Structures are given as structure tokens and as C-alpha cells.
């Protein structure tokens, strides 16, 4: 489309990125039409509402990536067939592996050199997690049925309340194909997320109440904030492009300039994720699916204020990519409890997320550093907390306003620098690139985290 090319040339970004933003804005229109022309016309038939979102979602993906929409449809139909007609444990194995392998092959096929190109693999990323989640939800629902029936048939435990597994997300009734596909292609979430559970989506569809008049101002605020961050990204990449870290000027600079440049370039690079998540959240608000019964932030994918002000690395992780983190906690980390080791469970969860992003080495380096930094930080804070309990004088000193301000400033700088250091391979995915950049700063982040492993027992 000519206007996509024109906007791309004016702002100096790729046509694919502009196409994505246009489609995200179109999802607002789809949500407004649903509230005004569907709910506003008094339509209560569930099938009509499901069909509206299915057709709109498929059309949106087609607008974004053309005939490549066939990839997502093929995987959806396969996963539904597995859930519908195969033993649930077999379906779980297939639906965890086939969509993931399909995605990885797609990422490999569409990647140009060392650059990750957004295309049909972007909605496929979100869809992969959604298909895994709904399969687990059906699995949990059938297990809960079995638990309830067993207790019901037991004379000894007939008055016992069954302990259900993931009761909030478990699917007790097999979805129809229309329900399944409508959930998968929900326009506000199909492109960049957020992830919402099948149960939440069904509850939303069953409601006949339009909340557009209550939430449009909040949605407009999210859209405006997202566009503001998008502006920061476009302006920032003009002065601090990620290619700068491979330039001769960077290589010839001082150590402190290099570590600062890495922090700044990566901070700029992260704003595009914040922008897309904020815009997508606004679309969810307009649709009404984000309503929790108390507020409209049920589909938040980033706590933006906390992200920008936290003084801990763990605080950044907990405020960033929230629905993916929630997916990892519910469907991966907690289900690895049988290993009996929290650290191993956490490591395997991060390994899955690294593989899900792609097979480039940069993803694995980023998630390994995340694991090491969080481990170091939690141990340091735990040791400080113990010292404060033992030494009242230290506790009173750390509670003074001046010391609090100093500690916050130091930890904020530490967070910004180590966040940039760990995120850099996410931008420069290939080994020769991220390795050369790390070599220029003497692998200082690795040195700090590895040194802590040896120092920790003596502190």
C-alpha cells in the first residue's frame, strides 16, 4: 500500500513496522464496531459475536502478512484436532512441540542475515503460547473432572471439597471449533499479545454489556502513551541506532563511554516493545476484554511507571512482558515443581522462553544473563536483609532519607547498565556481533555475576 511506503520513508523505518502499527490501530476500530454495531444493536447470539471476531482477526492477520495467514490457520486446526480427537496427554505433547518447531523453522526461513525481520512469525509467536496454554487448560479441566468424580464416588470423602488444579483457567467443556479459532484470532491480541486465557475470553463473549463509554478515555491514554514511546524510538534510533555498537567510533571509545552507549542503545531499543504493548493494551480496553470486574488493566503487558523507576533488575523483569511471564509461571515453572529444585525449574523455564524466541545464540545469552543477574541480586538483597536484622545501627542508617536516596540512585544506575548489558544480544543476535561488543567492555557483566558465585559464601 502506497501510504505504508510513504510513512516508512518519512519516519525512516521498515514498511513491516509501519504495517504492524497500522494493524494495531485498526484493531481499535474492530473493537469499537463490536461495541456499537454488535452489542449496540442488541445482538446476544454467542455464535455471531464469535464469528465477528474470527473473521475480523483473520482479516487483520491477512492485512498484516497476506497469504502467510495460512501458517497460523494450519497450526490452529492441527492443535484443535489433537485436543478434540486424541488422548489429552498425546495432545499436550504434540501441541507443545509442533507449533514451537513450526515457529522456529519459520524464523530461520524468514531471517535475513543477522537481522530478525518481523512478518508472519510475529503473530505466530503469540499464537504458539496461546495454543500451548489452551491445551494445558483442557488438560487441567479433565483432571479436575476426574478429581471431582473420584471424591463424589468416595464414601469417605463425599463431604470433602475437591482441591482443583488451576481452577481459574481450567477448561471444563471442550470448545467448539468456532470458539477455539475466535479465541486464537481475537484481533486485539493476535499480533503482539497480550495473552489472555480461554476462560477469560469466553466470559467476555458471554457478556452483552458494552463498556466503551467507561473505558475509551483510558484506552486513548494508552494509545497516546504508546505513540509517545514510538516517537521516542524513532527519534532515539536516529541518534543511537543499534548498528552504532558495531561502528569504528564505538570501538575506539573509552570503556565508560562504551558501557554507557550499550545502556543507551538498548534502552532505546526496548521502547519499541513498550510502545506496541501499550497500544495493544488500549485496544483490549476498547473491546472490554481487559475488564476484571474492578478495573480495566486486566490485559496490561507492562507496568510502565514501575518499569521506568524500579531500582532492581528483578523489578524490571516483573514489570515487563507481564502476560508472557504469567504464562511461564502457570504453564511451565509451577509444573516443574516435581523436580524439587526451584533454581532448576527457573532455569528450564528461561530455556524454553529462549528457544521460543528463536535459535539465535543472542537469545540464549540474554536469558542466561537474566538468570544469573536475578540470582545474584536476590542473594545480595537477602544477605543485606539479614545484616539489617542483626545490626540495628545499620538498619537505622539505611532508613535515613539521604542514604535511601543514595542507595536508590546507585541501584538505579546499576539496573540501567546491567539491563542494557544483558539485553544487547537480543538486538545483535549472532555470535560474532554480541561477542565482539562484549569483548570491547571486557565482559564486565559476566565477570560481576560469576565473581559473585565465589564471593557469596564469604559475605
Foldseek 3Di string as FASTA:
>chain_A
DVVLVVVCVVLVHDSLLSLLVVLLVVLLVLLLCCLCVQLVVVHQDLLVSLVSQLVSLLVSLCSNANPLSVLLVVLLVVLLCCLPPHPLVVSLVCLLPVLLVSLQVVQVVPDDDQAGDDHSSQLSLLLSLQSNLLSVLQVQLVVQVVQLVVQCPDPVRNVPDGDGAPVVQRDNDRDDSSLSSSLCRRSLARRHDDDDGSSLVVVLSNDSDACQVPQLVVLVVLLVVLVVLVVLLSVLCVVQNLCVLVDPVLLPDDLVVLLVSLLSNVVSVCSNVSSSQSSSLSSCSSNPSQDPVPDNCNGRQFPVVQCLQPLALVSVVCGHRPSVVVSLVRSQLVVCCVVVDNLVSQLVSQVVVLSSVYDFQLSVQLSVLSSLRVVLVVLVVVVVVVVCVVDVVVVVVCPDPVNVVVSSVVSNVVNSSSNSLSCSCVRRRHDVSNVVSCVSNPVVSVVVSVVCVVCSVVD
